[in-house]
Amino acid sequence: MNRRQYLTRAGAAGATTALLAAGAGCLGDLTGSDGGNGDADVGSRAGVRALDRAAGKLNEAAQSLNELSLEDPENVEFDPSEPRTKISEARDHLETAESELGEDRQADIETLRSYADALEGLVAVTATVTDETIADDIDTVTTAIEEQGDLETANETVDDRYAEISSAHERFEQAETTIGDIDGDRLSDLTGVDLADLEEGVSALGTAVGSLETLAAAYDSTLDTESGYGALEAGRTKFENGEYAAAQSEFATAESTFADAQTNLENGTGSAPEGLVQYFETAACQTTHLTTAAGAFADAAGAAADGDAVTARSRKNDGEDALDDVNSCAN
């Protein structure tokens, strides 16, 4: 199985099986539960057909996800409207099935509803992960840090995107939990989908959304107005005003924040999808230089507080050089 495709080929096979069954009217089931003597009423036949059609529509929705590769999310073209339509149609068929079938088929209906819930969540998460404007936001933030430009706007951009991605990650976890709670044997009987393969297949989507959340969190803390860039700028202002002890405290806060972001980025690079690695590397480079700069400024403030003007000047220059080095990260 190609792990880059996050719904498995078993899902595709299940889709084909269910669609063929639905197209043929599932004749084996239309006889009802009486052993095939043809006495099943019209209502139960309509219910069984609706159940089969629901399974077919859900597998069609799953297939639209199965065809995607998330190694390079920003270059994936994904239109969520089609699978959402299939899922909606499946829910309509399940309403019909529920009204036509007895309690003995309720577990089947609920299994397909859970399948629909999971797919609906996966579609929503995929739409977020493959949003082409994410790359634009990353470029905006990277440039702002690189040029020490409009950091306030960059911070607002990151806040909004981080919230969106975190929400998508939560939605993914809900879908994953729903999948884990499905009766695998019943799902396989109804749709031809192997639950174990489905669980394994969605891991690529989890990796993509988790990596984006790590990246967004790192940018969010880096641009934070109190502990990240905000602390760095506050420290520089206090240093220029001769408030050396207060400046040193601000620089220490910024250094710790940048260092934590750097560590998280470096730890996340290895598991990031191929298309996101460059962003991780650029952000890790930037936070490395920012950490160095904040540490140098903290040393300069400490030296100035002790009356050591030579060391203060030297370490301040080191800090400025480190800030200049941030410009080289995106090259």
Protein backbone atom coordinates (compact mmCIF):
# COMPACT_ATOMS: atom_id res chain seq x y z
CA MET A 1 0.00 0.00 0.00
CA ASN A 2 1.21 3.50 -0.83
CA ARG A 3 1.20 5.26 2.54
CA ARG A 4 1.15 8.61 0.76
CA GLN A 5 -2.45 7.95 -0.15
CA TYR A 6 -4.29 8.27 3.11
CA LEU A 7 -7.35 6.18 2.34
CA THR A 8 -6.40 2.71 1.30
CA ARG A 9 -6.87 0.84 -1.92
CA ALA A 10 -9.08 -1.48 0.04
CA GLY A 11 -11.45 1.46 0.22
CA ALA A 12 -11.38 1.74 -3.56
CA ALA A 13 -12.10 -1.95 -3.90
CA GLY A 14 -14.91 -1.57 -1.38
CA ALA A 15 -16.34 1.28 -3.40
CA THR A 16 -16.40 -0.86 -6.54
CA THR A 17 -18.00 -3.75 -4.70
CA ALA A 18 -20.67 -1.62 -3.10
CA LEU A 19 -21.44 0.27 -6.29
CA LEU A 20 -21.83 -2.94 -8.27
CA ALA A 21 -24.06 -4.29 -5.55
CA ALA A 22 -26.16 -1.14 -5.50
CA GLY A 23 -26.36 -1.04 -9.30
CA ALA A 24 -27.55 -4.65 -9.39
CA GLY A 25 -30.13 -3.99 -6.71
CA CYS A 26 -28.38 -6.36 -4.28
CA LEU A 27 -30.63 -9.15 -5.40
CA GLY A 28 -29.34 -11.56 -2.83
CA ASP A 29 -30.53 -9.28 -0.06
CA LEU A 30 -33.88 -8.40 -1.58
CA THR A 31 -35.31 -11.75 -0.56
CA GLY A 32 -35.25 -10.50 3.03
CA SER A 33 -34.46 -12.59 6.07
CA ASP A 34 -36.79 -15.44 5.21
CA GLY A 35 -34.12 -17.54 3.48
CA GLY A 36 -34.87 -16.28 -0.03
CA ASN A 37 -38.48 -17.42 -0.44
CA GLY A 38 -39.47 -14.11 -2.04
CA ASP A 39 -41.95 -13.08 0.66
CA ALA A 40 -40.11 -9.91 1.73
CA ASP A 41 -42.37 -6.86 1.51
CA VAL A 42 -41.73 -3.83 -0.70
CA GLY A 43 -40.78 -1.71 2.30
CA SER A 44 -37.92 -3.99 3.31
CA ARG A 45 -36.69 -4.21 -0.28
CA ALA A 46 -36.65 -0.42 -0.48
CA GLY A 47 -34.82 -0.30 2.83
CA VAL A 48 -32.16 -2.76 1.76
CA ARG A 49 -31.64 -0.91 -1.51
CA ALA A 50 -31.29 2.37 0.41
CA LEU A 51 -28.74 0.79 2.73
CA ASP A 52 -26.68 -0.53 -0.18
CA ARG A 53 -26.85 2.78 -1.99
CA ALA A 54 -25.69 4.60 1.15
CA ALA A 55 -22.68 2.29 1.34
CA GLY A 56 -21.91 2.94 -2.32
CA LYS A 57 -22.10 6.73 -1.92
CA LEU A 58 -19.84 6.66 1.13
CA ASN A 59 -17.27 4.58 -0.71
CA GLU A 60 -17.38 7.05 -3.59
CA ALA A 61 -16.62 9.83 -1.09
CA ALA A 62 -13.79 7.76 0.35
CA GLN A 63 -12.39 7.15 -3.11
CA SER A 64 -12.06 10.89 -3.77
CA LEU A 65 -9.81 11.03 -0.70
CA ASN A 66 -7.93 7.88 -1.59
CA GLU A 67 -6.73 9.42 -4.83
CA LEU A 68 -4.83 12.20 -3.05
CA SER A 69 -1.16 12.28 -2.08
CA LEU A 70 -0.34 14.52 0.87
CA GLU A 71 3.44 14.52 0.60
CA ASP A 72 3.14 17.99 -0.93
CA PRO A 73 -0.16 19.36 0.44
CA GLU A 74 0.08 22.84 -1.08
CA ASN A 75 0.16 21.39 -4.60
CA VAL A 76 -2.86 19.13 -4.09
CA GLU A 77 -6.04 20.26 -5.80
CA PHE A 78 -8.96 19.14 -3.68
CA ASP A 79 -12.59 20.16 -4.08
CA PRO A 80 -14.51 19.06 -0.98
CA SER A 81 -17.90 19.72 -2.57
CA GLU A 82 -18.07 16.40 -4.43
CA PRO A 83 -17.38 14.06 -1.47
CA ARG A 84 -19.63 16.22 0.71
CA THR A 85 -22.43 15.76 -1.80
CA LYS A 86 -21.87 11.99 -1.78
CA ILE A 87 -21.96 11.90 2.01
CA SER A 88 -25.15 13.97 2.06
CA GLU A 89 -26.76 11.62 -0.43
CA ALA A 90 -25.67 8.66 1.68
CA ARG A 91 -27.30 10.21 4.75
CA ASP A 92 -30.56 10.60 2.80
CA HIS A 93 -30.43 6.92 1.85
CA LEU A 94 -29.82 6.02 5.49
CA GLU A 95 -32.90 7.98 6.52
CA THR A 96 -34.90 5.91 4.04
CA ALA A 97 -33.32 2.70 5.28
CA GLU A 98 -34.17 3.55 8.87
CA SER A 99 -37.79 4.21 8.03
CA GLU A 100 -38.14 1.00 6.01
CA LEU A 101 -36.08 -1.53 7.96
CA GLY A 102 -36.64 -3.10 11.35
CA GLU A 103 -34.57 -2.99 14.51
CA ASP A 104 -32.51 -5.95 13.31
CA ARG A 105 -30.81 -3.66 10.77
CA GLN A 106 -30.35 -0.65 13.07
CA ALA A 107 -26.75 -1.63 13.86
CA ASP A 108 -25.98 -1.64 10.13
CA ILE A 109 -27.48 1.82 9.74
CA GLU A 110 -25.51 3.18 12.70
CA THR A 111 -22.29 1.67 11.35
CA LEU A 112 -22.74 3.50 8.07
CA ARG A 113 -23.64 6.70 9.89
CA SER A 114 -20.39 6.44 11.81
CA TYR A 115 -18.55 5.84 8.55
CA ALA A 116 -20.22 8.98 7.17
CA ASP A 117 -19.25 10.99 10.26
CA ALA A 118 -15.63 9.90 9.93
CA LEU A 119 -15.47 10.68 6.21
CA GLU A 120 -17.09 14.06 6.77
CA GLY A 121 -14.39 14.91 9.28
CA LEU A 122 -11.61 13.69 6.99
CA VAL A 123 -12.96 15.77 4.12
CA ALA A 124 -13.03 18.91 6.31
CA VAL A 125 -9.46 18.31 7.50
CA THR A 126 -8.24 17.64 3.97
CA ALA A 127 -9.79 20.91 2.80
CA THR A 128 -7.82 22.75 5.49
CA VAL A 129 -4.53 20.94 4.85
CA THR A 130 -4.66 21.46 1.08
CA ASP A 131 -5.72 25.12 1.26
CA GLU A 132 -3.37 26.82 -1.19
CA THR A 133 -3.45 30.08 0.78
CA ILE A 134 -1.46 28.46 3.60
CA ALA A 135 1.68 28.80 1.49
CA ASP A 136 0.93 32.50 0.96
CA ASP A 137 0.57 33.03 4.71
CA ILE A 138 3.85 31.22 5.37
CA ASP A 139 5.60 33.43 2.83
CA THR A 140 4.11 36.54 4.45
CA VAL A 141 5.26 35.52 7.90
CA THR A 142 8.70 34.40 6.73
CA THR A 143 9.27 37.70 4.95
CA ALA A 144 8.11 39.74 7.95
CA ILE A 145 10.58 37.94 10.23
CA GLU A 146 13.33 38.13 7.66
CA GLU A 147 12.95 41.86 7.09
CA GLN A 148 11.70 42.74 10.59
CA GLY A 149 8.77 44.23 8.75
CA ASP A 150 5.06 44.29 9.60
CA LEU A 151 5.29 41.85 12.48
CA GLU A 152 1.92 42.88 13.91
CA THR A 153 0.07 41.86 10.75
CA ALA A 154 2.16 38.70 10.52
CA ASN A 155 1.23 37.85 14.11
CA GLU A 156 -2.48 38.31 13.34
CA THR A 157 -2.12 36.10 10.28
CA VAL A 158 -0.45 33.37 12.32
CA ASP A 159 -3.03 33.60 15.11
CA ASP A 160 -5.90 33.05 12.68
CA ARG A 161 -4.19 30.25 10.78
CA TYR A 162 -3.00 28.50 13.95
CA ALA A 163 -6.55 28.48 15.31
CA GLU A 164 -7.87 27.04 12.04
CA ILE A 165 -5.23 24.30 11.87
CA SER A 166 -5.62 23.39 15.54
CA SER A 167 -9.36 23.04 15.00
CA ALA A 168 -8.68 20.81 12.00
CA HIS A 169 -6.35 18.66 14.08
CA GLU A 170 -9.06 18.23 16.69
CA ARG A 171 -11.51 17.30 13.94
CA PHE A 172 -9.04 14.71 12.67
CA GLU A 173 -8.72 13.17 16.13
CA GLN A 174 -12.50 12.98 16.40
CA ALA A 175 -12.69 11.22 13.03
CA GLU A 176 -9.91 8.86 14.06
CA THR A 177 -11.76 8.01 17.26
CA THR A 178 -14.98 7.42 15.32
CA ILE A 179 -13.17 5.04 12.97
CA GLY A 180 -11.68 3.19 15.92
CA ASP A 181 -15.15 2.67 17.42
CA ILE A 182 -16.69 1.21 14.25
CA ASP A 183 -17.51 -2.51 14.16
CA GLY A 184 -14.92 -3.63 11.62
CA ASP A 185 -16.64 -6.85 10.60
CA ARG A 186 -19.94 -5.11 10.04
CA LEU A 187 -18.28 -2.30 8.04
CA SER A 188 -16.52 -4.85 5.86
CA ASP A 189 -19.76 -6.74 5.23
CA LEU A 190 -21.57 -3.54 4.28
CA THR A 191 -18.92 -1.74 2.26
CA GLY A 192 -16.03 -4.08 1.53
CA VAL A 193 -13.69 -1.75 3.44
CA ASP A 194 -11.17 -3.29 5.84
CA LEU A 195 -11.22 -1.21 9.03
CA ALA A 196 -7.56 -1.91 9.83
CA ASP A 197 -6.52 -0.64 6.40
CA LEU A 198 -8.72 2.42 6.83
CA GLU A 199 -7.14 3.21 10.21
CA GLU A 200 -3.65 2.85 8.78
CA GLY A 201 -4.45 4.79 5.65
CA VAL A 202 -5.63 7.97 7.38
CA SER A 203 -2.28 8.34 9.16
CA ALA A 204 -0.87 10.43 6.28
CA LEU A 205 -3.58 13.02 6.86
CA GLY A 206 -2.80 13.02 10.58
CA THR A 207 0.86 13.58 9.80
CA ALA A 208 0.09 16.49 7.49
CA VAL A 209 -2.25 18.32 9.84
CA GLY A 210 0.00 17.62 12.83
CA SER A 211 3.02 19.01 11.00
CA LEU A 212 1.15 22.14 9.97
CA GLU A 213 0.07 22.64 13.57
CA THR A 214 3.69 22.32 14.76
CA LEU A 215 4.81 24.87 12.16
CA ALA A 216 2.01 27.28 13.00
CA ALA A 217 2.65 26.94 16.73
CA ALA A 218 6.33 27.75 16.24
CA TYR A 219 5.51 30.87 14.24
CA ASP A 220 2.84 31.82 16.78
CA SER A 221 5.26 31.72 19.71
CA THR A 222 8.02 33.39 17.70
CA LEU A 223 5.79 36.36 16.88
CA ASP A 224 4.10 36.48 20.27
CA THR A 225 3.75 40.07 21.44
CA GLU A 226 4.77 39.24 25.01
CA SER A 227 7.20 36.33 24.99
CA GLY A 228 8.58 36.16 21.45
CA TYR A 229 9.42 38.99 19.11
CA GLY A 230 7.48 41.32 21.37
CA ALA A 231 9.86 40.57 24.24
CA LEU A 232 12.86 41.03 21.96
CA GLU A 233 11.67 44.47 20.85
CA ALA A 234 10.71 45.46 24.40
CA GLY A 235 14.19 44.47 25.54
CA ARG A 236 15.84 46.56 22.85
CA THR A 237 13.73 49.58 23.81
CA LYS A 238 14.57 49.18 27.49
CA PHE A 239 18.25 48.74 26.66
CA GLU A 240 18.28 52.01 24.71
CA ASN A 241 16.58 53.71 27.66
CA GLY A 242 19.25 52.46 30.03
CA GLU A 243 16.90 50.02 31.83
CA TYR A 244 19.45 47.23 31.62
CA ALA A 245 18.07 44.83 34.24
CA ALA A 246 14.59 45.01 32.75
CA ALA A 247 16.05 44.62 29.26
CA GLN A 248 17.99 41.53 30.29
CA SER A 249 14.80 39.95 31.61
CA GLU A 250 12.95 40.63 28.35
CA PHE A 251 15.82 39.22 26.29
CA ALA A 252 15.94 36.09 28.43
CA THR A 253 12.21 35.54 27.87
CA ALA A 254 12.64 35.96 24.11
CA GLU A 255 15.64 33.63 24.04
CA SER A 256 13.73 30.88 25.84
CA THR A 257 10.72 31.27 23.55
CA PHE A 258 12.80 31.17 20.37
CA ALA A 259 14.78 28.18 21.62
CA ASP A 260 11.63 26.20 22.38
CA ALA A 261 10.24 26.96 18.91
CA GLN A 262 13.55 25.93 17.34
CA THR A 263 13.55 22.61 19.20
CA ASN A 264 9.97 21.83 18.20
CA LEU A 265 10.71 22.62 14.57
CA GLU A 266 13.84 20.49 14.47
CA ASN A 267 12.01 17.59 16.14
CA GLY A 268 9.13 17.90 13.68
CA THR A 269 11.19 18.11 10.50
CA GLY A 270 11.85 14.38 10.24
CA SER A 271 8.16 13.43 10.22
CA ALA A 272 6.89 16.34 8.11
CA PRO A 273 5.54 15.63 4.62
CA GLU A 274 8.15 16.25 1.95
CA GLY A 275 6.46 19.41 0.70
CA LEU A 276 6.57 21.03 4.14
CA VAL A 277 10.20 20.26 4.99
CA GLN A 278 11.51 23.46 3.40
CA TYR A 279 9.21 25.52 5.61
CA PHE A 280 10.37 23.68 8.70
CA GLU A 281 14.01 24.20 7.78
CA THR A 282 13.53 27.91 7.10
CA ALA A 283 11.64 28.48 10.34
CA ALA A 284 14.22 26.46 12.31
CA CYS A 285 17.01 28.54 10.78
CA GLN A 286 15.22 31.77 11.69
CA THR A 287 14.55 30.75 15.28
CA THR A 288 18.16 29.58 15.64
CA HIS A 289 19.47 33.03 14.73
CA LEU A 290 16.79 34.73 16.83
CA THR A 291 17.81 32.62 19.82
CA THR A 292 21.44 33.61 19.30
CA ALA A 293 20.49 37.28 18.96
CA ALA A 294 18.35 37.31 22.11
CA GLY A 295 21.11 35.58 24.08
CA ALA A 296 23.70 38.09 22.89
CA PHE A 297 21.45 41.01 23.75
CA ALA A 298 20.84 39.53 27.20
CA ASP A 299 24.59 39.31 27.76
CA ALA A 300 24.99 42.91 26.56
CA ALA A 301 22.31 44.12 28.97
CA GLY A 302 23.94 42.22 31.84
CA ALA A 303 27.34 43.68 31.02
CA ALA A 304 25.90 47.17 30.76
CA ALA A 305 24.22 46.75 34.14
CA ASP A 306 27.64 45.82 35.57
CA GLY A 307 29.26 48.85 33.97
CA ASP A 308 31.26 46.79 31.44
CA ALA A 309 30.76 48.99 28.40
CA VAL A 310 33.22 47.11 26.18
CA THR A 311 31.52 43.74 26.62
CA ALA A 312 28.12 45.33 26.34
CA ARG A 313 29.01 46.89 23.00
CA SER A 314 30.62 43.73 21.68
CA ARG A 315 27.71 41.46 22.61
CA LYS A 316 25.19 43.96 21.28
CA ASN A 317 26.99 43.89 17.94
CA ASP A 318 26.88 40.08 18.04
CA GLY A 319 23.15 40.28 18.52
CA GLU A 320 22.71 42.63 15.59
CA ASP A 321 24.79 40.32 13.40
CA ALA A 322 22.60 37.37 14.39
CA LEU A 323 19.50 39.33 13.44
CA ASP A 324 21.05 40.05 10.06
CA ASP A 325 21.68 36.33 9.61
CA VAL A 326 17.93 35.72 9.75
CA ASN A 327 17.81 37.21 6.25
CA SER A 328 19.79 34.28 4.82
CA CYS A 329 17.39 31.55 5.94
CA ALA A 330 14.95 31.70 3.06
CA ASN A 331 17.67 31.84 0.39
